[in-house]
Amino acid sequence: MNIRHLTFRLLQVHVEVVRRGSVSEAARRLHLTQPTVSQQLKRLREAVGEPLLETRQGRLEPTEAGLELYRASREVLGRFDDFADYLDALRGGRRGHFSIALVNTAQYVLPRLLGPFNRAYPEVEVTVHIGNRQQMLRRFDRQEDDLYVFSHPPSLEHALAGRFLRNPLVMVAPRDHPATREPGWDLERLLGERLLLREPGSATRMMTERWLLEQGLATGPTMQMASNEAIRVGIASGLGLAILSEHVLPPEHPDLVTLPVPGLPIESHWQFIARRDQRLAHSALGFLRFARDHLEECVEARFVCNEIFGLLAGLEVVEA
């Protein structure tokens, strides 16, 4: 590899193409023409001396060498972003940018932290990505974000985790369900009704299916739905029951009721996750410190499980 031919621009182009999976989308993001991006990819391939990208199912994907270059490029570019943040801090400004990726159900709570944080630090830009667990695991594996929120952290040695909020899963039914007024409705009987489920890859579905397996219980008919909102509407319309995060329920939900079923709720916790092999932006560290210090002010006290200090301690060791 002729390292003298590598430039920051070439590394930026490679990172964007790997992220977007397309020359045209990368060109749009970088405000370049497609021929310019293609030419720079060619220069980069010649400088490295190995194929870096290949087409799979109509999408550009990195080769093994391309993935390693992507990771190295993110590290190099990230360090210079950190340096820019450091200079800003020296000049007395509180600004910067970080990206946080959330599993779907966490979107009902994180704004309660991000709103006060934004008011306290208006010059910090935050990008939020939301998806199911499998989608967030892919983002984690490709180091696409600074922070992640999972109910179950990735089982990888480079994940640092800190719990911050209880995430109980409860049985939700329409308010006029017979179980609200008739005795004898145990969990096994309830599971004989249609159960509304999220798609495979959803953390809520994964935890529900694991819990049912541990209890030796089987479901009756099921219906898969694409979002928590669709499930809420489905329950209210009488389509079936669901096991959902309690946070999914709005403060006022006249059409829904939580059933007090023995064995429920399923207890889980949301956790902030960072990678120990990736330098964390100063602004992301600032957000974690803000969450540590103000969590009890931002969310309902009965849900708080503030172990963010442990995550910050681990990150400080890594940074040292």
C-alpha atoms as a PDB file:
ATOM      1  CA  MET A   1       0.000   0.000   0.000  1.00  0.00           C
ATOM      2  CA  ASN A   2       1.305   3.440  -0.932  1.00  0.00           C
ATOM      3  CA  ILE A   3       0.158   5.432   2.089  1.00  0.00           C
ATOM      4  CA  ARG A   4       1.447   8.683   0.567  1.00  0.00           C
ATOM      5  CA  HIS A   5      -1.432   8.554  -1.911  1.00  0.00           C
ATOM      6  CA  LEU A   6      -4.096   8.399   0.808  1.00  0.00           C
ATOM      7  CA  THR A   7      -5.948  11.603   1.657  1.00  0.00           C
ATOM      8  CA  PHE A   8      -8.675  12.503   4.122  1.00  0.00           C
ATOM      9  CA  ARG A   9     -11.051  13.027   1.197  1.00  0.00           C
ATOM     10  CA  LEU A  10     -10.437   9.504  -0.109  1.00  0.00           C
ATOM     11  CA  LEU A  11     -11.129   8.084   3.347  1.00  0.00           C
ATOM     12  CA  GLN A  12     -14.323  10.166   3.649  1.00  0.00           C
ATOM     13  CA  VAL A  13     -15.513   8.901   0.264  1.00  0.00           C
ATOM     14  CA  HIS A  14     -14.865   5.271   1.244  1.00  0.00           C
ATOM     15  CA  VAL A  15     -16.700   5.666   4.560  1.00  0.00           C
ATOM     16  CA  GLU A  16     -19.755   7.236   2.902  1.00  0.00           C
ATOM     17  CA  VAL A  17     -19.930   4.624   0.128  1.00  0.00           C
ATOM     18  CA  VAL A  18     -19.759   1.788   2.676  1.00  0.00           C
ATOM     19  CA  ARG A  19     -22.436   3.460   4.803  1.00  0.00           C
ATOM     20  CA  ARG A  20     -24.806   4.202   1.927  1.00  0.00           C
ATOM     21  CA  GLY A  21     -24.091   1.185  -0.280  1.00  0.00           C
ATOM     22  CA  SER A  22     -24.232   3.340  -3.384  1.00  0.00           C
ATOM     23  CA  VAL A  23     -22.009   5.775  -5.286  1.00  0.00           C
ATOM     24  CA  SER A  24     -24.934   8.076  -6.095  1.00  0.00           C
ATOM     25  CA  GLU A  25     -26.094   8.352  -2.483  1.00  0.00           C
ATOM     26  CA  ALA A  26     -22.528   8.916  -1.246  1.00  0.00           C
ATOM     27  CA  ALA A  27     -22.037  11.604  -3.900  1.00  0.00           C
ATOM     28  CA  ARG A  28     -25.215  13.354  -2.773  1.00  0.00           C
ATOM     29  CA  ARG A  29     -24.137  13.261   0.879  1.00  0.00           C
ATOM     30  CA  LEU A  30     -20.667  14.600   0.064  1.00  0.00           C
ATOM     31  CA  HIS A  31     -21.930  17.198  -2.452  1.00  0.00           C
ATOM     32  CA  LEU A  32     -19.803  15.648  -5.199  1.00  0.00           C
ATOM     33  CA  THR A  33     -20.606  14.313  -8.651  1.00  0.00           C
ATOM     34  CA  GLN A  34     -20.901  10.573  -9.201  1.00  0.00           C
ATOM     35  CA  PRO A  35     -17.925  10.502 -11.615  1.00  0.00           C
ATOM     36  CA  THR A  36     -15.795  12.267  -8.974  1.00  0.00           C
ATOM     37  CA  VAL A  37     -16.713   9.674  -6.338  1.00  0.00           C
ATOM     38  CA  SER A  38     -16.054   6.811  -8.774  1.00  0.00           C
ATOM     39  CA  GLN A  39     -12.661   8.289  -9.676  1.00  0.00           C
ATOM     40  CA  GLN A  40     -11.696   8.675  -6.025  1.00  0.00           C
ATOM     41  CA  LEU A  41     -12.722   5.074  -5.299  1.00  0.00           C
ATOM     42  CA  LYS A  42     -10.461   3.991  -8.159  1.00  0.00           C
ATOM     43  CA  ARG A  43      -7.550   6.039  -6.754  1.00  0.00           C
ATOM     44  CA  LEU A  44      -8.123   4.539  -3.319  1.00  0.00           C
ATOM     45  CA  ARG A  45      -8.198   0.988  -4.669  1.00  0.00           C
ATOM     46  CA  GLU A  46      -4.940   1.612  -6.550  1.00  0.00           C
ATOM     47  CA  ALA A  47      -3.300   3.114  -3.451  1.00  0.00           C
ATOM     48  CA  VAL A  48      -4.303   0.165  -1.259  1.00  0.00           C
ATOM     49  CA  GLY A  49      -3.617  -2.486  -3.877  1.00  0.00           C
ATOM     50  CA  GLU A  50      -6.642  -4.615  -2.934  1.00  0.00           C
ATOM     51  CA  PRO A  51     -10.297  -4.701  -4.011  1.00  0.00           C
ATOM     52  CA  LEU A  52     -12.280  -2.691  -1.458  1.00  0.00           C
ATOM     53  CA  LEU A  53     -15.877  -2.934  -2.692  1.00  0.00           C
ATOM     54  CA  GLU A  54     -18.049  -5.477  -4.442  1.00  0.00           C
ATOM     55  CA  THR A  55     -21.640  -5.511  -5.619  1.00  0.00           C
ATOM     56  CA  ARG A  56     -24.018  -7.838  -3.784  1.00  0.00           C
ATOM     57  CA  GLN A  57     -27.754  -7.824  -4.513  1.00  0.00           C
ATOM     58  CA  GLY A  58     -27.543  -4.412  -6.154  1.00  0.00           C
ATOM     59  CA  ARG A  59     -25.689  -2.801  -3.248  1.00  0.00           C
ATOM     60  CA  LEU A  60     -22.025  -1.934  -2.824  1.00  0.00           C
ATOM     61  CA  GLU A  61     -20.596  -3.866   0.128  1.00  0.00           C
ATOM     62  CA  PRO A  62     -17.043  -3.786   1.513  1.00  0.00           C
ATOM     63  CA  THR A  63     -14.665  -6.670   0.946  1.00  0.00           C
ATOM     64  CA  GLU A  64     -12.694  -7.928   3.940  1.00  0.00           C
ATOM     65  CA  ALA A  65      -9.958  -5.370   3.196  1.00  0.00           C
ATOM     66  CA  GLY A  66     -12.588  -2.702   2.559  1.00  0.00           C
ATOM     67  CA  LEU A  67     -14.236  -3.311   5.929  1.00  0.00           C
ATOM     68  CA  GLU A  68     -10.902  -2.988   7.742  1.00  0.00           C
ATOM     69  CA  LEU A  69     -10.167   0.235   5.847  1.00  0.00           C
ATOM     70  CA  TYR A  70     -13.652   1.492   6.774  1.00  0.00           C
ATOM     71  CA  ARG A  71     -12.939   0.888  10.467  1.00  0.00           C
ATOM     72  CA  ALA A  72      -9.499   2.484  10.277  1.00  0.00           C
ATOM     73  CA  SER A  73     -10.908   5.465   8.363  1.00  0.00           C
ATOM     74  CA  ARG A  74     -13.625   6.014  10.962  1.00  0.00           C
ATOM     75  CA  GLU A  75     -10.984   5.937  13.691  1.00  0.00           C
ATOM     76  CA  VAL A  76      -8.754   8.458  11.895  1.00  0.00           C
ATOM     77  CA  LEU A  77     -11.599  10.797  10.955  1.00  0.00           C
ATOM     78  CA  GLY A  78     -13.129  10.437  14.410  1.00  0.00           C
ATOM     79  CA  ARG A  79      -9.883  11.442  16.094  1.00  0.00           C
ATOM     80  CA  PHE A  80      -9.713  14.622  14.043  1.00  0.00           C
ATOM     81  CA  ASP A  81     -13.378  15.338  14.842  1.00  0.00           C
ATOM     82  CA  ASP A  82     -12.449  14.936  18.513  1.00  0.00           C
ATOM     83  CA  PHE A  83      -9.558  17.345  17.982  1.00  0.00           C
ATOM     84  CA  ALA A  84     -11.949  19.895  16.485  1.00  0.00           C
ATOM     85  CA  ASP A  85     -14.264  19.456  19.491  1.00  0.00           C
ATOM     86  CA  TYR A  86     -11.268  19.924  21.790  1.00  0.00           C
ATOM     87  CA  LEU A  87     -10.329  23.175  20.068  1.00  0.00           C
ATOM     88  CA  ASP A  88     -13.918  24.364  20.389  1.00  0.00           C
ATOM     89  CA  ALA A  89     -13.826  23.586  24.104  1.00  0.00           C
ATOM     90  CA  LEU A  90     -10.578  25.531  24.485  1.00  0.00           C
ATOM     91  CA  ARG A  91     -12.239  28.507  22.828  1.00  0.00           C
ATOM     92  CA  GLY A  92     -15.045  28.357  25.372  1.00  0.00           C
ATOM     93  CA  GLY A  93     -17.761  26.921  23.111  1.00  0.00           C
ATOM     94  CA  ARG A  94     -20.008  24.006  24.062  1.00  0.00           C
ATOM     95  CA  ARG A  95     -20.721  22.478  20.684  1.00  0.00           C
ATOM     96  CA  GLY A  96     -20.229  19.270  18.755  1.00  0.00           C
ATOM     97  CA  HIS A  97     -22.201  16.373  17.367  1.00  0.00           C
ATOM     98  CA  PHE A  98     -22.964  12.813  18.353  1.00  0.00           C
ATOM     99  CA  SER A  99     -25.157  10.045  17.012  1.00  0.00           C
ATOM    100  CA  ILE A 100     -27.306   7.747  19.144  1.00  0.00           C
ATOM    101  CA  ALA A 101     -29.110   4.619  17.908  1.00  0.00           C
ATOM    102  CA  LEU A 102     -32.193   3.378  19.770  1.00  0.00           C
ATOM    103  CA  VAL A 103     -34.281   0.244  19.712  1.00  0.00           C
ATOM    104  CA  ASN A 104     -37.869   1.123  18.843  1.00  0.00           C
ATOM    105  CA  THR A 105     -39.401   1.178  22.316  1.00  0.00           C
ATOM    106  CA  ALA A 106     -36.699   3.506  23.681  1.00  0.00           C
ATOM    107  CA  GLN A 107     -38.035   6.304  21.460  1.00  0.00           C
ATOM    108  CA  TYR A 108     -40.846   6.753  23.982  1.00  0.00           C
ATOM    109  CA  VAL A 109     -38.401   7.734  26.748  1.00  0.00           C
ATOM    110  CA  LEU A 110     -35.167   9.153  25.287  1.00  0.00           C
ATOM    111  CA  PRO A 111     -36.783  12.467  24.216  1.00  0.00           C
ATOM    112  CA  ARG A 112     -37.388  13.146  27.915  1.00  0.00           C
ATOM    113  CA  LEU A 113     -33.602  13.225  28.318  1.00  0.00           C
ATOM    114  CA  LEU A 114     -32.678  14.712  24.952  1.00  0.00           C
ATOM    115  CA  GLY A 115     -35.085  17.652  25.322  1.00  0.00           C
ATOM    116  CA  PRO A 116     -33.606  19.005  28.582  1.00  0.00           C
ATOM    117  CA  PHE A 117     -30.089  18.247  27.296  1.00  0.00           C
ATOM    118  CA  ASN A 118     -30.756  20.268  24.153  1.00  0.00           C
ATOM    119  CA  ARG A 119     -32.042  23.186  26.206  1.00  0.00           C
ATOM    120  CA  ALA A 120     -28.905  23.068  28.368  1.00  0.00           C
ATOM    121  CA  TYR A 121     -26.499  22.627  25.413  1.00  0.00           C
ATOM    122  CA  PRO A 122     -28.204  24.070  22.319  1.00  0.00           C
ATOM    123  CA  GLU A 123     -24.993  23.998  20.261  1.00  0.00           C
ATOM    124  CA  VAL A 124     -24.709  20.201  20.499  1.00  0.00           C
ATOM    125  CA  GLU A 125     -26.266  18.516  17.471  1.00  0.00           C
ATOM    126  CA  VAL A 126     -27.743  15.064  18.055  1.00  0.00           C
ATOM    127  CA  THR A 127     -28.668  12.559  15.345  1.00  0.00           C
ATOM    128  CA  VAL A 128     -31.087   9.826  16.430  1.00  0.00           C
ATOM    129  CA  HIS A 129     -31.509   6.516  14.578  1.00  0.00           C
ATOM    130  CA  ILE A 130     -34.398   4.192  15.486  1.00  0.00           C
ATOM    131  CA  GLY A 131     -34.958   0.558  14.508  1.00  0.00           C
ATOM    132  CA  ASN A 132     -35.411  -2.953  15.821  1.00  0.00           C
ATOM    133  CA  ARG A 133     -32.707  -4.847  17.682  1.00  0.00           C
ATOM    134  CA  GLN A 134     -31.255  -6.543  14.596  1.00  0.00           C
ATOM    135  CA  GLN A 135     -30.979  -3.233  12.749  1.00  0.00           C
ATOM    136  CA  MET A 136     -29.268  -1.605  15.736  1.00  0.00           C
ATOM    137  CA  LEU A 137     -26.865  -4.554  16.101  1.00  0.00           C
ATOM    138  CA  ARG A 138     -25.784  -4.017  12.492  1.00  0.00           C
ATOM    139  CA  ARG A 139     -25.172  -0.332  13.210  1.00  0.00           C
ATOM    140  CA  PHE A 140     -23.193  -1.309  16.319  1.00  0.00           C
ATOM    141  CA  ASP A 141     -21.092  -3.803  14.362  1.00  0.00           C
ATOM    142  CA  ARG A 142     -20.263  -1.166  11.748  1.00  0.00           C
ATOM    143  CA  GLN A 143     -19.493   1.493  14.384  1.00  0.00           C
ATOM    144  CA  GLU A 144     -21.992   3.890  12.830  1.00  0.00           C
ATOM    145  CA  ASP A 145     -22.935   5.709  16.043  1.00  0.00           C
ATOM    146  CA  ASP A 146     -21.425   7.012  19.268  1.00  0.00           C
ATOM    147  CA  LEU A 147     -24.031   5.620  21.669  1.00  0.00           C
ATOM    148  CA  TYR A 148     -26.634   2.872  21.508  1.00  0.00           C
ATOM    149  CA  VAL A 149     -29.670   1.999  23.608  1.00  0.00           C
ATOM    150  CA  PHE A 150     -30.555  -1.685  23.981  1.00  0.00           C
ATOM    151  CA  SER A 151     -32.626  -3.640  26.461  1.00  0.00           C
ATOM    152  CA  HIS A 152     -30.100  -6.466  26.050  1.00  0.00           C
ATOM    153  CA  PRO A 153     -26.547  -5.326  25.215  1.00  0.00           C
ATOM    154  CA  PRO A 154     -24.611  -6.929  22.375  1.00  0.00           C
ATOM    155  CA  SER A 155     -22.759 -10.018  23.572  1.00  0.00           C
ATOM    156  CA  LEU A 156     -19.455  -8.665  22.359  1.00  0.00           C
ATOM    157  CA  GLU A 157     -16.289  -8.110  24.334  1.00  0.00           C
ATOM    158  CA  HIS A 158     -15.983  -4.511  23.122  1.00  0.00           C
ATOM    159  CA  ALA A 159     -19.382  -3.382  24.502  1.00  0.00           C
ATOM    160  CA  LEU A 160     -19.477  -1.165  27.591  1.00  0.00           C
ATOM    161  CA  ALA A 161     -22.941  -0.945  29.161  1.00  0.00           C
ATOM    162  CA  GLY A 162     -24.712   1.050  31.857  1.00  0.00           C
ATOM    163  CA  ARG A 163     -28.332   0.463  32.868  1.00  0.00           C
ATOM    164  CA  PHE A 164     -30.440   3.567  33.326  1.00  0.00           C
ATOM    165  CA  LEU A 165     -34.133   2.663  33.159  1.00  0.00           C
ATOM    166  CA  ARG A 166     -36.468  -0.223  33.994  1.00  0.00           C
ATOM    167  CA  ASN A 167     -38.340  -1.540  30.965  1.00  0.00           C
ATOM    168  CA  PRO A 168     -41.126  -3.802  32.293  1.00  0.00           C
ATOM    169  CA  LEU A 169     -43.126  -5.792  29.741  1.00  0.00           C
ATOM    170  CA  VAL A 170     -46.824  -6.094  30.624  1.00  0.00           C
ATOM    171  CA  MET A 171     -49.920  -7.800  29.211  1.00  0.00           C
ATOM    172  CA  VAL A 172     -52.118  -5.227  27.455  1.00  0.00           C
ATOM    173  CA  ALA A 173     -55.763  -5.836  26.536  1.00  0.00           C
ATOM    174  CA  PRO A 174     -58.747  -3.785  25.349  1.00  0.00           C
ATOM    175  CA  ARG A 175     -60.477  -2.115  28.272  1.00  0.00           C
ATOM    176  CA  ASP A 176     -63.664  -4.157  27.781  1.00  0.00           C
ATOM    177  CA  HIS A 177     -61.853  -7.528  27.824  1.00  0.00           C
ATOM    178  CA  PRO A 178     -63.680 -10.154  29.954  1.00  0.00           C
ATOM    179  CA  ALA A 179     -60.547 -10.653  32.087  1.00  0.00           C
ATOM    180  CA  THR A 180     -61.113  -7.201  33.590  1.00  0.00           C
ATOM    181  CA  ARG A 181     -64.368  -8.326  35.225  1.00  0.00           C
ATOM    182  CA  GLU A 182     -64.356 -12.140  35.317  1.00  0.00           C
ATOM    183  CA  PRO A 183     -62.178 -14.268  37.649  1.00  0.00           C
ATOM    184  CA  GLY A 184     -60.177 -17.251  36.447  1.00  0.00           C
ATOM    185  CA  TRP A 185     -58.241 -15.660  33.601  1.00  0.00           C
ATOM    186  CA  ASP A 186     -54.727 -17.004  34.111  1.00  0.00           C
ATOM    187  CA  LEU A 187     -51.845 -16.511  31.692  1.00  0.00           C
ATOM    188  CA  GLU A 188     -52.389 -19.825  29.920  1.00  0.00           C
ATOM    189  CA  ARG A 189     -55.997 -18.914  29.169  1.00  0.00           C
ATOM    190  CA  LEU A 190     -55.029 -15.454  27.957  1.00  0.00           C
ATOM    191  CA  LEU A 191     -52.431 -16.941  25.621  1.00  0.00           C
ATOM    192  CA  GLY A 192     -55.197 -18.931  23.973  1.00  0.00           C
ATOM    193  CA  GLU A 193     -56.326 -15.659  22.419  1.00  0.00           C
ATOM    194  CA  ARG A 194     -54.613 -14.002  19.476  1.00  0.00           C
ATOM    195  CA  LEU A 195     -51.278 -12.462  20.486  1.00  0.00           C
ATOM    196  CA  LEU A 196     -50.094  -9.422  18.537  1.00  0.00           C
ATOM    197  CA  LEU A 197     -46.338  -9.511  17.951  1.00  0.00           C
ATOM    198  CA  ARG A 198     -43.662  -7.293  16.452  1.00  0.00           C
ATOM    199  CA  GLU A 199     -41.519  -8.562  13.598  1.00  0.00           C
ATOM    200  CA  PRO A 200     -38.633 -11.046  14.113  1.00  0.00           C
ATOM    201  CA  GLY A 201     -35.598  -9.039  15.214  1.00  0.00           C
ATOM    202  CA  SER A 202     -37.612  -6.970  17.692  1.00  0.00           C
ATOM    203  CA  ALA A 203     -36.193  -7.033  21.228  1.00  0.00           C
ATOM    204  CA  THR A 204     -39.702  -7.100  22.748  1.00  0.00           C
ATOM    205  CA  ARG A 205     -40.619 -10.146  20.676  1.00  0.00           C
ATOM    206  CA  MET A 206     -37.312 -11.831  21.513  1.00  0.00           C
ATOM    207  CA  MET A 207     -37.819 -11.312  25.262  1.00  0.00           C
ATOM    208  CA  THR A 208     -41.467 -12.421  25.086  1.00  0.00           C
ATOM    209  CA  GLU A 209     -40.668 -15.634  23.214  1.00  0.00           C
ATOM    210  CA  ARG A 210     -37.738 -16.411  25.513  1.00  0.00           C
ATOM    211  CA  TRP A 211     -39.887 -15.842  28.608  1.00  0.00           C
ATOM    212  CA  LEU A 212     -42.712 -18.050  27.279  1.00  0.00           C
ATOM    213  CA  LEU A 213     -40.203 -20.805  26.528  1.00  0.00           C
ATOM    214  CA  GLU A 214     -38.799 -20.574  30.058  1.00  0.00           C
ATOM    215  CA  GLN A 215     -42.341 -20.821  31.464  1.00  0.00           C
ATOM    216  CA  GLY A 216     -43.153 -23.816  29.270  1.00  0.00           C
ATOM    217  CA  LEU A 217     -46.024 -21.921  27.658  1.00  0.00           C
ATOM    218  CA  ALA A 218     -47.134 -21.844  24.041  1.00  0.00           C
ATOM    219  CA  THR A 219     -49.119 -19.172  22.243  1.00  0.00           C
ATOM    220  CA  GLY A 220     -52.332 -19.639  20.341  1.00  0.00           C
ATOM    221  CA  PRO A 221     -52.927 -17.711  17.120  1.00  0.00           C
ATOM    222  CA  THR A 222     -50.619 -14.759  16.496  1.00  0.00           C
ATOM    223  CA  MET A 223     -50.580 -11.719  14.239  1.00  0.00           C
ATOM    224  CA  GLN A 224     -47.413  -9.869  13.273  1.00  0.00           C
ATOM    225  CA  MET A 225     -47.549  -6.072  13.130  1.00  0.00           C
ATOM    226  CA  ALA A 226     -44.928  -3.574  12.016  1.00  0.00           C
ATOM    227  CA  SER A 227     -44.925  -1.107  14.909  1.00  0.00           C
ATOM    228  CA  ASN A 228     -45.902  -0.588  18.533  1.00  0.00           C
ATOM    229  CA  GLU A 229     -48.435   2.029  17.427  1.00  0.00           C
ATOM    230  CA  ALA A 230     -50.111  -0.502  15.117  1.00  0.00           C
ATOM    231  CA  ILE A 231     -50.254  -3.014  17.969  1.00  0.00           C
ATOM    232  CA  ARG A 232     -51.824  -0.438  20.287  1.00  0.00           C
ATOM    233  CA  VAL A 233     -54.516   0.336  17.714  1.00  0.00           C
ATOM    234  CA  GLY A 234     -54.995  -3.388  17.090  1.00  0.00           C
ATOM    235  CA  ILE A 235     -55.550  -4.089  20.787  1.00  0.00           C
ATOM    236  CA  ALA A 236     -58.023  -1.228  21.138  1.00  0.00           C
ATOM    237  CA  SER A 237     -59.881  -2.545  18.065  1.00  0.00           C
ATOM    238  CA  GLY A 238     -60.200  -6.032  19.547  1.00  0.00           C
ATOM    239  CA  LEU A 239     -57.687  -7.795  17.297  1.00  0.00           C
ATOM    240  CA  GLY A 240     -55.964  -9.443  20.246  1.00  0.00           C
ATOM    241  CA  LEU A 241     -53.680  -9.008  23.244  1.00  0.00           C
ATOM    242  CA  ALA A 242     -49.994  -8.099  23.405  1.00  0.00           C
ATOM    243  CA  ILE A 243     -47.039  -8.102  25.752  1.00  0.00           C
ATOM    244  CA  LEU A 244     -45.566  -4.614  25.443  1.00  0.00           C
ATOM    245  CA  SER A 245     -43.146  -2.323  27.192  1.00  0.00           C
ATOM    246  CA  GLU A 246     -45.064  -0.289  29.750  1.00  0.00           C
ATOM    247  CA  HIS A 247     -43.420   2.808  28.258  1.00  0.00           C
ATOM    248  CA  VAL A 248     -45.284   2.239  24.978  1.00  0.00           C
ATOM    249  CA  LEU A 249     -48.579   3.079  26.696  1.00  0.00           C
ATOM    250  CA  PRO A 250     -49.425   6.802  26.667  1.00  0.00           C
ATOM    251  CA  PRO A 251     -50.199   8.461  30.025  1.00  0.00           C
ATOM    252  CA  GLU A 252     -53.887   8.445  29.108  1.00  0.00           C
ATOM    253  CA  HIS A 253     -55.037   5.261  27.343  1.00  0.00           C
ATOM    254  CA  PRO A 254     -58.814   4.955  27.799  1.00  0.00           C
ATOM    255  CA  ASP A 255     -59.128   2.090  25.287  1.00  0.00           C
ATOM    256  CA  LEU A 256     -56.399  -0.093  26.847  1.00  0.00           C
ATOM    257  CA  VAL A 257     -55.819  -1.815  30.164  1.00  0.00           C
ATOM    258  CA  THR A 258     -52.845  -3.583  31.739  1.00  0.00           C
ATOM    259  CA  LEU A 259     -53.878  -6.999  33.056  1.00  0.00           C
ATOM    260  CA  PRO A 260     -52.409  -8.020  36.455  1.00  0.00           C
ATOM    261  CA  VAL A 261     -51.226 -11.451  35.316  1.00  0.00           C
ATOM    262  CA  PRO A 262     -49.173 -13.674  37.691  1.00  0.00           C
ATOM    263  CA  GLY A 263     -45.615 -13.960  36.379  1.00  0.00           C
ATOM    264  CA  LEU A 264     -45.683 -10.559  34.716  1.00  0.00           C
ATOM    265  CA  PRO A 265     -44.192  -8.051  34.164  1.00  0.00           C
ATOM    266  CA  ILE A 266     -41.144  -9.414  32.401  1.00  0.00           C
ATOM    267  CA  GLU A 267     -38.346  -7.357  33.895  1.00  0.00           C
ATOM    268  CA  SER A 268     -35.703  -5.834  31.654  1.00  0.00           C
ATOM    269  CA  HIS A 269     -33.668  -2.637  31.589  1.00  0.00           C
ATOM    270  CA  TRP A 270     -32.639  -0.170  28.964  1.00  0.00           C
ATOM    271  CA  GLN A 271     -28.921   0.368  28.813  1.00  0.00           C
ATOM    272  CA  PHE A 272     -26.626   2.918  27.250  1.00  0.00           C
ATOM    273  CA  ILE A 273     -23.977   1.102  25.213  1.00  0.00           C
ATOM    274  CA  ALA A 274     -20.639   2.375  23.943  1.00  0.00           C
ATOM    275  CA  ARG A 275     -17.802   0.563  22.219  1.00  0.00           C
ATOM    276  CA  ARG A 276     -14.583   0.180  24.155  1.00  0.00           C
ATOM    277  CA  ASP A 277     -12.629   0.080  20.866  1.00  0.00           C
ATOM    278  CA  GLN A 278     -14.031   3.398  19.607  1.00  0.00           C
ATOM    279  CA  ARG A 279     -13.232   6.862  20.896  1.00  0.00           C
ATOM    280  CA  LEU A 280     -16.377   8.560  22.132  1.00  0.00           C
ATOM    281  CA  ALA A 281     -17.091  12.127  21.050  1.00  0.00           C
ATOM    282  CA  HIS A 282     -16.838  14.702  23.844  1.00  0.00           C
ATOM    283  CA  SER A 283     -20.448  15.693  23.201  1.00  0.00           C
ATOM    284  CA  ALA A 284     -21.591  12.083  23.716  1.00  0.00           C
ATOM    285  CA  LEU A 285     -19.678  11.922  26.984  1.00  0.00           C
ATOM    286  CA  GLY A 286     -21.327  15.190  27.967  1.00  0.00           C
ATOM    287  CA  PHE A 287     -24.750  13.696  27.279  1.00  0.00           C
ATOM    288  CA  LEU A 288     -23.977  10.649  29.442  1.00  0.00           C
ATOM    289  CA  ARG A 289     -22.854  12.911  32.283  1.00  0.00           C
ATOM    290  CA  PHE A 290     -26.019  14.976  31.889  1.00  0.00           C
ATOM    291  CA  ALA A 291     -28.163  11.814  31.977  1.00  0.00           C
ATOM    292  CA  ARG A 292     -26.302  10.578  35.060  1.00  0.00           C
ATOM    293  CA  ASP A 293     -26.916  13.842  36.911  1.00  0.00           C
ATOM    294  CA  HIS A 294     -30.482  14.614  35.768  1.00  0.00           C
ATOM    295  CA  LEU A 295     -32.141  11.252  35.096  1.00  0.00           C
ATOM    296  CA  GLU A 296     -34.390  11.426  38.164  1.00  0.00           C
ATOM    297  CA  GLU A 297     -35.636  14.863  37.077  1.00  0.00           C
ATOM    298  CA  CYS A 298     -36.527  13.732  33.558  1.00  0.00           C
ATOM    299  CA  VAL A 299     -38.319  10.386  33.960  1.00  0.00           C
ATOM    300  CA  GLU A 300     -40.751   8.842  36.415  1.00  0.00           C
ATOM    301  CA  ALA A 301     -38.922   7.795  39.583  1.00  0.00           C
ATOM    302  CA  ARG A 302     -40.264   4.221  39.668  1.00  0.00           C
ATOM    303  CA  PHE A 303     -38.515   3.448  36.380  1.00  0.00           C
ATOM    304  CA  VAL A 304     -35.101   4.892  37.290  1.00  0.00           C
ATOM    305  CA  CYS A 305     -32.135   2.523  37.586  1.00  0.00           C
ATOM    306  CA  ASN A 306     -29.185   4.891  37.346  1.00  0.00           C
ATOM    307  CA  GLU A 307     -25.976   2.933  36.739  1.00  0.00           C
ATOM    308  CA  ILE A 308     -24.556   5.363  34.191  1.00  0.00           C
ATOM    309  CA  PHE A 309     -21.688   6.182  36.555  1.00  0.00           C
ATOM    310  CA  GLY A 310     -20.285   2.679  35.953  1.00  0.00           C
ATOM    311  CA  LEU A 311     -20.341   3.173  32.185  1.00  0.00           C
ATOM    312  CA  LEU A 312     -18.617   6.551  32.532  1.00  0.00           C
ATOM    313  CA  ALA A 313     -15.962   5.038  34.798  1.00  0.00           C
ATOM    314  CA  GLY A 314     -15.280   2.361  32.183  1.00  0.00           C
ATOM    315  CA  LEU A 315     -15.079   4.938  29.414  1.00  0.00           C
ATOM    316  CA  GLU A 316     -12.639   7.069  31.408  1.00  0.00           C
ATOM    317  CA  VAL A 317     -10.362   4.039  31.817  1.00  0.00           C
ATOM    318  CA  VAL A 318     -10.534   3.417  28.059  1.00  0.00           C
ATOM    319  CA  GLU A 319      -9.823   7.080  27.285  1.00  0.00           C
ATOM    320  CA  ALA A 320      -6.838   7.057  29.647  1.00  0.00           C
END
